[in-house]
Amino acid sequence: MGSDFLNKLCLRGKISSGAGEGARFVSLPWVRKQMAEKLGFTPFPGTLDIMLGRDSVEVRKSLMKASGIEILPAPGYFRGKLFRAKLRGAKCALVVPEVLGYPDDIIEIVAPANLRDELRLVDGSLVEVEVTV
């Protein structure tokens, strides 16, 4: 696969409330700085959690092997990868934490705005995320 070739993957699932860990992580100054530099936007201080359907779980697992945009951790934190994405036309990014035991059926999305408000999403809303790999 050439470096000019981009794959688009679609992940489908339902909006779900998270535990707030994503919001704490995205609010860390070193994370915000790297995301702004590497994605071209400063993320809203929170993540949009999506519980994946069965078919999308395998697609998400394949992202663990793909090279994404690296987030280099501060001491005591885990690595992570970002993938540019779109959700209902809104520019965003998929966060893939490289944390042992992280659930295979959950994805977290960061964006420059609160996507729940902007796209009028509620828990249970069905969504499709188009991810660029």
Protein backbone atom coordinates (compact mmCIF):
# COMPACT_ATOMS: atom_id res chain seq x y z
CA MET A 1 0.00 0.00 0.00
CA GLY A 2 1.50 3.34 -1.06
CA SER A 3 1.72 6.29 1.30
CA ASP A 4 -0.64 8.28 -0.94
CA PHE A 5 -3.34 5.65 -0.62
CA LEU A 6 -5.90 6.22 2.12
CA ASN A 7 -8.38 3.63 3.29
CA LYS A 8 -11.77 4.63 4.62
CA LEU A 9 -13.29 2.39 7.27
CA CYS A 10 -16.79 2.70 8.66
CA LEU A 11 -17.63 1.96 12.26
CA ARG A 12 -21.27 1.80 13.33
CA GLY A 13 -22.74 1.89 16.79
CA LYS A 14 -24.83 3.66 19.38
CA ILE A 15 -23.98 6.74 21.41
CA SER A 16 -23.32 5.83 25.02
CA SER A 17 -22.33 7.69 28.18
CA GLY A 18 -18.76 7.11 29.26
CA ALA A 19 -17.16 7.14 32.68
CA GLY A 20 -15.56 10.57 32.21
CA GLU A 21 -12.04 9.19 31.74
CA GLY A 22 -11.87 10.56 28.18
CA ALA A 23 -12.77 14.06 29.38
CA ARG A 24 -10.00 13.97 31.99
CA PHE A 25 -7.48 12.73 29.43
CA VAL A 26 -8.42 15.26 26.72
CA SER A 27 -8.17 18.06 29.29
CA LEU A 28 -4.49 17.33 30.04
CA PRO A 29 -2.35 20.18 28.63
CA TRP A 30 0.16 17.87 26.89
CA VAL A 31 -2.68 15.94 25.21
CA ARG A 32 -4.45 19.13 24.07
CA LYS A 33 -1.17 20.51 22.67
CA GLN A 34 -0.37 17.34 20.69
CA MET A 35 -3.93 17.03 19.38
CA ALA A 36 -3.95 20.67 18.27
CA GLU A 37 -0.59 20.27 16.51
CA LYS A 38 -1.34 16.91 14.90
CA LEU A 39 -5.06 17.25 14.10
CA GLY A 40 -5.29 20.96 13.40
CA PHE A 41 -7.93 21.58 16.08
CA THR A 42 -8.08 21.92 19.84
CA PRO A 43 -10.44 19.23 21.11
CA PHE A 44 -13.59 19.93 23.08
CA PRO A 45 -12.76 18.79 26.65
CA GLY A 46 -14.56 15.48 26.43
CA THR A 47 -15.03 12.46 24.20
CA LEU A 48 -18.07 11.05 22.48
CA ASP A 49 -18.36 7.36 23.34
CA ILE A 50 -19.85 4.94 20.85
CA MET A 51 -20.72 1.32 21.63
CA LEU A 52 -19.94 -0.60 18.46
CA GLY A 53 -22.13 -3.14 16.74
CA ARG A 54 -20.72 -6.66 16.35
CA ASP A 55 -19.45 -6.12 12.77
CA SER A 56 -17.60 -2.94 13.74
CA VAL A 57 -15.73 -4.57 16.64
CA GLU A 58 -13.53 -6.47 14.15
CA VAL A 59 -12.89 -3.26 12.20
CA ARG A 60 -11.83 -1.50 15.41
CA LYS A 61 -9.45 -4.36 16.26
CA SER A 62 -7.76 -3.86 12.87
CA LEU A 63 -7.06 -0.24 13.81
CA MET A 64 -4.79 -1.46 16.61
CA LYS A 65 -2.43 -2.73 13.90
CA ALA A 66 -2.71 0.36 11.68
CA SER A 67 -0.31 3.25 11.94
CA GLY A 68 -2.19 6.29 13.15
CA ILE A 69 -1.21 9.69 14.47
CA GLU A 70 0.73 9.00 17.65
CA ILE A 71 0.08 10.69 20.97
CA LEU A 72 3.31 10.44 22.91
CA PRO A 73 2.58 10.03 26.61
CA ALA A 74 3.88 11.98 29.56
CA PRO A 75 5.49 9.77 32.23
CA GLY A 76 2.93 7.54 33.90
CA TYR A 77 0.46 7.59 30.98
CA PHE A 78 -0.22 5.15 28.14
CA ARG A 79 0.34 5.68 24.44
CA GLY A 80 -2.50 6.30 22.06
CA LYS A 81 -3.23 6.74 18.37
CA LEU A 82 -5.54 9.08 16.54
CA PHE A 83 -7.26 8.59 13.20
CA ARG A 84 -8.91 11.42 11.29
CA ALA A 85 -12.62 10.80 10.96
CA LYS A 86 -16.01 12.25 10.12
CA LEU A 87 -19.27 11.82 11.98
CA ARG A 88 -22.36 13.09 10.12
CA GLY A 89 -20.09 15.44 8.17
CA ALA A 90 -18.39 16.85 11.27
CA LYS A 91 -14.60 16.78 11.39
CA CYS A 92 -13.38 14.67 14.29
CA ALA A 93 -10.83 12.01 15.25
CA LEU A 94 -11.03 8.52 16.64
CA VAL A 95 -8.89 7.95 19.74
CA VAL A 96 -7.41 4.46 20.16
CA PRO A 97 -5.90 4.18 23.66
CA GLU A 98 -3.13 1.60 23.86
CA VAL A 99 -4.31 0.41 27.26
CA LEU A 100 -4.37 -3.24 28.25
CA GLY A 101 -7.95 -4.34 28.83
CA TYR A 102 -9.58 -1.43 26.99
CA PRO A 103 -12.97 -2.72 25.69
CA ASP A 104 -13.06 -3.80 22.03
CA ASP A 105 -16.64 -2.61 21.60
CA ILE A 106 -16.15 1.06 22.59
CA ILE A 107 -14.63 3.90 20.58
CA GLU A 108 -14.02 7.47 21.66
CA ILE A 109 -14.29 10.47 19.38
CA VAL A 110 -12.72 13.92 19.86
CA ALA A 111 -13.79 17.00 17.94
CA PRO A 112 -13.38 20.76 18.09
CA ALA A 113 -16.98 21.07 19.35
CA ASN A 114 -19.39 19.18 21.58
CA LEU A 115 -20.78 16.69 19.04
CA ARG A 116 -23.66 15.66 21.31
CA ASP A 117 -24.98 19.22 21.19
CA GLU A 118 -23.92 20.10 17.64
CA LEU A 119 -25.43 16.96 16.08
CA ARG A 120 -28.27 16.55 18.61
CA LEU A 121 -27.11 13.11 19.71
CA VAL A 122 -28.47 11.27 22.74
CA ASP A 123 -27.63 7.91 24.29
CA GLY A 124 -28.86 5.25 21.88
CA SER A 125 -28.54 7.42 18.73
CA LEU A 126 -27.26 5.28 15.86
CA VAL A 127 -24.19 6.74 14.16
CA GLU A 128 -21.60 5.85 11.55
CA VAL A 129 -18.02 7.10 11.85
CA GLU A 130 -15.93 7.23 8.66
CA VAL A 131 -12.29 6.73 9.65
CA THR A 132 -9.32 7.53 7.41
CA VAL A 133 -6.42 5.08 7.74
